[in-house]
Amino acid sequence: MKAEDINLTGCTVQEAVRRIASAYQVDFVTLHLFRSGEDAQNKPYVRTNYPDAWVSHYLLNDYVRIDPVLHMAEQIQGPFCWSTITPHEGQAEMMVQAVKHGLGQTGFSVRHVDAIGRRTVLSFNAHDARGETTWEAHLPAMRDDLIALAQAMHTVALAEIYVDGETFPQLTPREVECLRWTAEGKAHTDIAIILGLSGHTVRGYLKDARVKLDCVTLAQAVSKAISLGLI
């Protein structure tokens, strides 16, 4: 199975999750998308076919903060098997609860990070205990395909987050950095020192960001960037 063989055109993220689970013959598929900024990390965009009872338990217990799969995804660029995770006590209890709620004990995940730091973690989970050995053996060969699939799902999720087909601003990493420091109360001269740039260059980045965000003032641009999860 290749990522390019799965038709995700025009479908919702939830439908894409179902198609991927069927194509890869796993029980569950989950997508976490973390937009830039602390608030967005605490409240990620999630789509899954996990049992509803587990989803509710996960959210009510704020497991996103300790989820060992998400923590591992921060450290590893390519696909990884969950068997490589060494959970601490709180994480181990979360994994016990997951199995009690009907999840499988084996899985693997892959992440995608876009140019402005938004991160998608795509995870696969199955009940078949033999799957872990099989996945460990085949993940190296599947690496590029799974990365491409995570990127495709990232694109589908962003299109769903920004509803009504509205084009969301495409800010450069430098524009995002400058807006973040502005949101922290830094003047352009301070930002220039922090980033090792000239004041003129920083003002240019901030102006470009303001124009892309269709705002009159820089304060409005910062506010809009925060509301869109860009910073």
Protein backbone atom coordinates (compact mmCIF):
# COMPACT_ATOMS: atom_id res chain seq x y z
CA MET A 1 0.00 0.00 0.00
CA LYS A 2 1.27 3.45 -0.98
CA ALA A 3 0.06 6.81 0.33
CA GLU A 4 -0.60 7.88 -3.25
CA ASP A 5 -3.05 4.98 -3.62
CA ILE A 6 -5.34 6.42 -0.93
CA ASN A 7 -7.66 9.03 -2.40
CA LEU A 8 -8.03 11.86 0.13
CA THR A 9 -9.34 14.42 -2.36
CA GLY A 10 -12.38 16.28 -1.07
CA CYS A 11 -12.87 14.13 2.01
CA THR A 12 -13.07 15.22 5.63
CA VAL A 13 -10.30 14.31 8.05
CA GLN A 14 -12.62 11.82 9.75
CA GLU A 15 -13.31 10.10 6.43
CA ALA A 16 -9.58 10.15 5.64
CA VAL A 17 -8.91 8.43 8.98
CA ARG A 18 -11.39 5.69 8.05
CA ARG A 19 -9.85 5.20 4.59
CA ILE A 20 -6.31 4.99 5.97
CA ALA A 21 -7.32 2.47 8.65
CA SER A 22 -8.92 0.31 5.98
CA ALA A 23 -6.01 0.63 3.55
CA TYR A 24 -3.36 -0.24 6.15
CA GLN A 25 -5.57 -2.87 7.81
CA VAL A 26 -5.25 -1.46 11.32
CA ASP A 27 -7.95 -0.98 13.93
CA PHE A 28 -7.41 2.68 14.68
CA VAL A 29 -5.87 5.79 13.12
CA THR A 30 -5.49 9.12 14.92
CA LEU A 31 -4.39 12.56 13.79
CA HIS A 32 -3.17 15.21 16.23
CA LEU A 33 -2.47 18.63 14.74
CA PHE A 34 -0.69 21.18 16.93
CA ARG A 35 -0.83 24.75 15.75
CA SER A 36 1.87 27.17 16.85
CA GLY A 37 1.49 28.74 20.27
CA GLU A 38 1.02 27.41 23.78
CA ASP A 39 -2.79 27.46 23.71
CA ALA A 40 -2.86 25.47 20.48
CA GLN A 41 -0.52 22.87 21.97
CA ASN A 42 -2.78 22.45 24.98
CA LYS A 43 -5.84 22.06 22.75
CA PRO A 44 -4.77 20.19 19.62
CA TYR A 45 -7.03 19.43 16.70
CA VAL A 46 -7.77 15.69 16.93
CA ARG A 47 -9.56 13.26 14.62
CA THR A 48 -9.68 9.54 15.34
CA ASN A 49 -11.75 6.38 15.10
CA TYR A 50 -10.87 5.38 18.67
CA PRO A 51 -13.86 4.37 20.83
CA ASP A 52 -15.84 7.39 22.04
CA ALA A 53 -15.36 6.35 25.67
CA TRP A 54 -11.57 6.52 25.29
CA VAL A 55 -11.68 9.88 23.51
CA SER A 56 -13.76 11.34 26.35
CA HIS A 57 -11.47 9.81 28.99
CA TYR A 58 -8.38 11.12 27.16
CA LEU A 59 -9.74 14.66 26.97
CA LEU A 60 -11.17 14.79 30.49
CA ASN A 61 -7.84 13.65 31.96
CA ASP A 62 -5.85 16.06 29.78
CA TYR A 63 -3.68 13.18 28.57
CA VAL A 64 -2.37 15.29 25.70
CA ARG A 65 0.12 16.77 28.18
CA ILE A 66 1.69 13.41 29.02
CA ASP A 67 0.88 11.28 25.96
CA PRO A 68 4.09 9.24 25.45
CA VAL A 69 3.45 8.89 21.72
CA LEU A 70 3.29 12.67 21.26
CA HIS A 71 6.39 13.15 23.41
CA MET A 72 8.31 10.59 21.34
CA ALA A 73 7.15 12.29 18.13
CA GLU A 74 8.89 15.46 19.32
CA GLN A 75 12.19 13.60 19.43
CA ILE A 76 12.08 11.42 16.31
CA GLN A 77 11.67 12.70 12.76
CA GLY A 78 10.80 9.43 11.04
CA PRO A 79 8.20 6.74 11.81
CA PHE A 80 8.63 4.88 15.10
CA CYS A 81 7.07 1.87 16.80
CA TRP A 82 5.46 2.38 20.18
CA SER A 83 7.53 -0.51 21.53
CA THR A 84 10.52 1.87 21.54
CA ILE A 85 8.81 4.12 24.10
CA THR A 86 9.84 3.88 27.75
CA PRO A 87 6.95 5.56 29.60
CA HIS A 88 7.25 7.12 33.03
CA GLU A 89 4.76 6.18 35.75
CA GLY A 90 1.97 8.54 34.71
CA GLN A 91 2.34 7.62 31.05
CA ALA A 92 2.33 3.90 31.86
CA GLU A 93 -0.99 4.30 33.68
CA MET A 94 -2.41 6.16 30.69
CA MET A 95 -1.42 3.26 28.41
CA VAL A 96 -3.04 0.76 30.79
CA GLN A 97 -6.24 2.81 30.66
CA ALA A 98 -6.05 2.90 26.86
CA VAL A 99 -6.05 -0.89 26.65
CA LYS A 100 -8.93 -1.07 29.15
CA HIS A 101 -10.89 1.24 26.87
CA GLY A 102 -10.44 -1.04 23.87
CA LEU A 103 -7.24 0.14 22.20
CA GLY A 104 -4.66 -2.27 20.86
CA GLN A 105 -1.29 -2.72 22.52
CA THR A 106 0.78 -2.16 19.38
CA GLY A 107 1.20 0.88 17.19
CA PHE A 108 3.43 3.23 15.26
CA SER A 109 3.42 6.95 14.52
CA VAL A 110 4.94 9.52 12.19
CA ARG A 111 5.01 13.31 12.34
CA HIS A 112 5.06 16.19 9.87
CA VAL A 113 6.16 19.75 10.65
CA ASP A 114 5.37 22.57 8.24
CA ALA A 115 7.33 25.75 7.55
CA ILE A 116 5.77 27.73 10.41
CA GLY A 117 5.95 25.02 13.04
CA ARG A 118 2.49 23.45 12.89
CA ARG A 119 2.91 19.75 13.67
CA THR A 120 0.84 16.73 12.73
CA VAL A 121 1.30 13.34 14.39
CA LEU A 122 -0.36 10.47 12.54
CA SER A 123 -0.72 7.29 14.60
CA PHE A 124 -1.73 3.71 13.79
CA ASN A 125 -2.95 1.23 16.42
CA ALA A 126 -3.93 -2.45 16.27
CA HIS A 127 -4.92 -5.32 18.55
CA ASP A 128 -2.77 -7.89 16.75
CA ALA A 129 0.22 -8.50 19.04
CA ARG A 130 2.17 -9.88 16.08
CA GLY A 131 1.91 -6.50 14.36
CA GLU A 132 4.70 -4.89 16.37
CA THR A 133 7.37 -7.24 15.05
CA THR A 134 6.04 -6.87 11.52
CA TRP A 135 5.97 -3.08 11.75
CA GLU A 136 9.48 -2.89 13.19
CA ALA A 137 10.72 -4.94 10.25
CA HIS A 138 8.91 -2.91 7.60
CA LEU A 139 9.01 0.66 8.95
CA PRO A 140 12.38 1.51 7.34
CA ALA A 141 11.00 0.63 3.91
CA MET A 142 7.73 2.48 4.65
CA ARG A 143 9.45 5.61 5.97
CA ASP A 144 9.11 7.91 2.96
CA ASP A 145 5.57 6.73 2.24
CA LEU A 146 4.39 7.34 5.81
CA ILE A 147 6.00 10.78 5.89
CA ALA A 148 4.18 11.63 2.66
CA LEU A 149 0.92 10.36 4.16
CA ALA A 150 1.39 12.49 7.29
CA GLN A 151 2.03 15.53 5.10
CA ALA A 152 -1.10 14.81 3.05
CA MET A 153 -3.20 14.48 6.21
CA HIS A 154 -1.70 17.71 7.53
CA THR A 155 -2.94 19.48 4.40
CA VAL A 156 -6.42 17.94 4.69
CA ALA A 157 -6.64 18.95 8.35
CA LEU A 158 -5.59 22.55 7.70
CA ALA A 159 -8.22 22.83 4.97
CA GLU A 160 -10.83 21.65 7.47
CA ILE A 161 -9.67 23.95 10.27
CA TYR A 162 -9.86 27.01 8.05
CA VAL A 163 -13.47 26.59 7.02
CA ASP A 164 -15.41 27.82 4.01
CA GLY A 165 -12.39 27.50 1.76
CA GLU A 166 -10.86 30.68 3.18
CA THR A 167 -7.19 30.91 2.29
CA PHE A 168 -5.19 31.16 5.48
CA PRO A 169 -2.12 33.41 5.55
CA GLN A 170 1.15 31.81 4.50
CA LEU A 171 3.64 33.48 6.81
CA THR A 172 7.35 32.77 6.58
CA PRO A 173 9.20 31.43 9.64
CA ARG A 174 10.88 34.83 10.14
CA GLU A 175 7.55 36.65 9.98
CA VAL A 176 6.17 34.26 12.59
CA GLU A 177 9.21 34.80 14.84
CA CYS A 178 8.87 38.57 14.64
CA LEU A 179 5.15 38.42 15.42
CA ARG A 180 5.78 36.11 18.38
CA TRP A 181 8.29 38.51 19.89
CA THR A 182 5.94 41.42 19.24
CA ALA A 183 3.23 39.51 21.08
CA GLU A 184 5.70 39.23 23.99
CA GLY A 185 5.90 43.01 24.08
CA LYS A 186 9.25 43.41 22.33
CA ALA A 187 9.92 46.46 20.14
CA HIS A 188 11.39 45.96 16.68
CA THR A 189 14.79 47.10 17.96
CA ASP A 190 14.71 44.40 20.65
CA ILE A 191 13.63 41.77 18.13
CA ALA A 192 16.50 42.78 15.86
CA ILE A 193 19.00 42.11 18.65
CA ILE A 194 17.36 38.80 19.62
CA LEU A 195 17.32 37.48 16.04
CA GLY A 196 20.59 39.04 14.95
CA LEU A 197 18.92 41.12 12.25
CA SER A 198 18.81 44.81 11.40
CA GLY A 199 15.92 46.92 12.64
CA HIS A 200 15.01 47.66 9.03
CA THR A 201 14.76 43.95 8.24
CA VAL A 202 12.56 43.28 11.26
CA ARG A 203 10.23 46.15 10.32
CA GLY A 204 10.01 44.64 6.84
CA TYR A 205 9.03 41.22 8.20
CA LEU A 206 6.39 42.75 10.45
CA LYS A 207 4.97 44.85 7.62
CA ASP A 208 4.79 41.83 5.31
CA ALA A 209 3.06 39.80 8.03
CA ARG A 210 0.56 42.60 8.67
CA VAL A 211 -0.27 42.84 4.96
CA LYS A 212 -0.66 39.06 4.61
CA LEU A 213 -2.99 39.05 7.61
CA ASP A 214 -4.99 41.90 6.03
CA CYS A 215 -4.66 44.12 9.10
CA VAL A 216 -4.26 47.87 9.46
CA THR A 217 -2.17 47.87 12.64
CA LEU A 218 0.50 45.58 14.01
CA ALA A 219 -1.58 44.98 17.15
CA GLN A 220 -4.42 43.71 14.96
CA ALA A 221 -1.99 41.47 13.09
CA VAL A 222 -0.72 39.93 16.33
CA SER A 223 -4.27 39.37 17.57
CA LYS A 224 -5.32 37.74 14.30
CA ALA A 225 -2.21 35.55 14.16
CA ILE A 226 -2.97 34.29 17.66
CA SER A 227 -6.62 33.59 16.81
CA LEU A 228 -5.56 31.62 13.72
CA GLY A 229 -3.05 29.60 15.71
CA LEU A 230 -0.10 30.96 13.73
CA ILE A 231 1.80 32.10 16.82
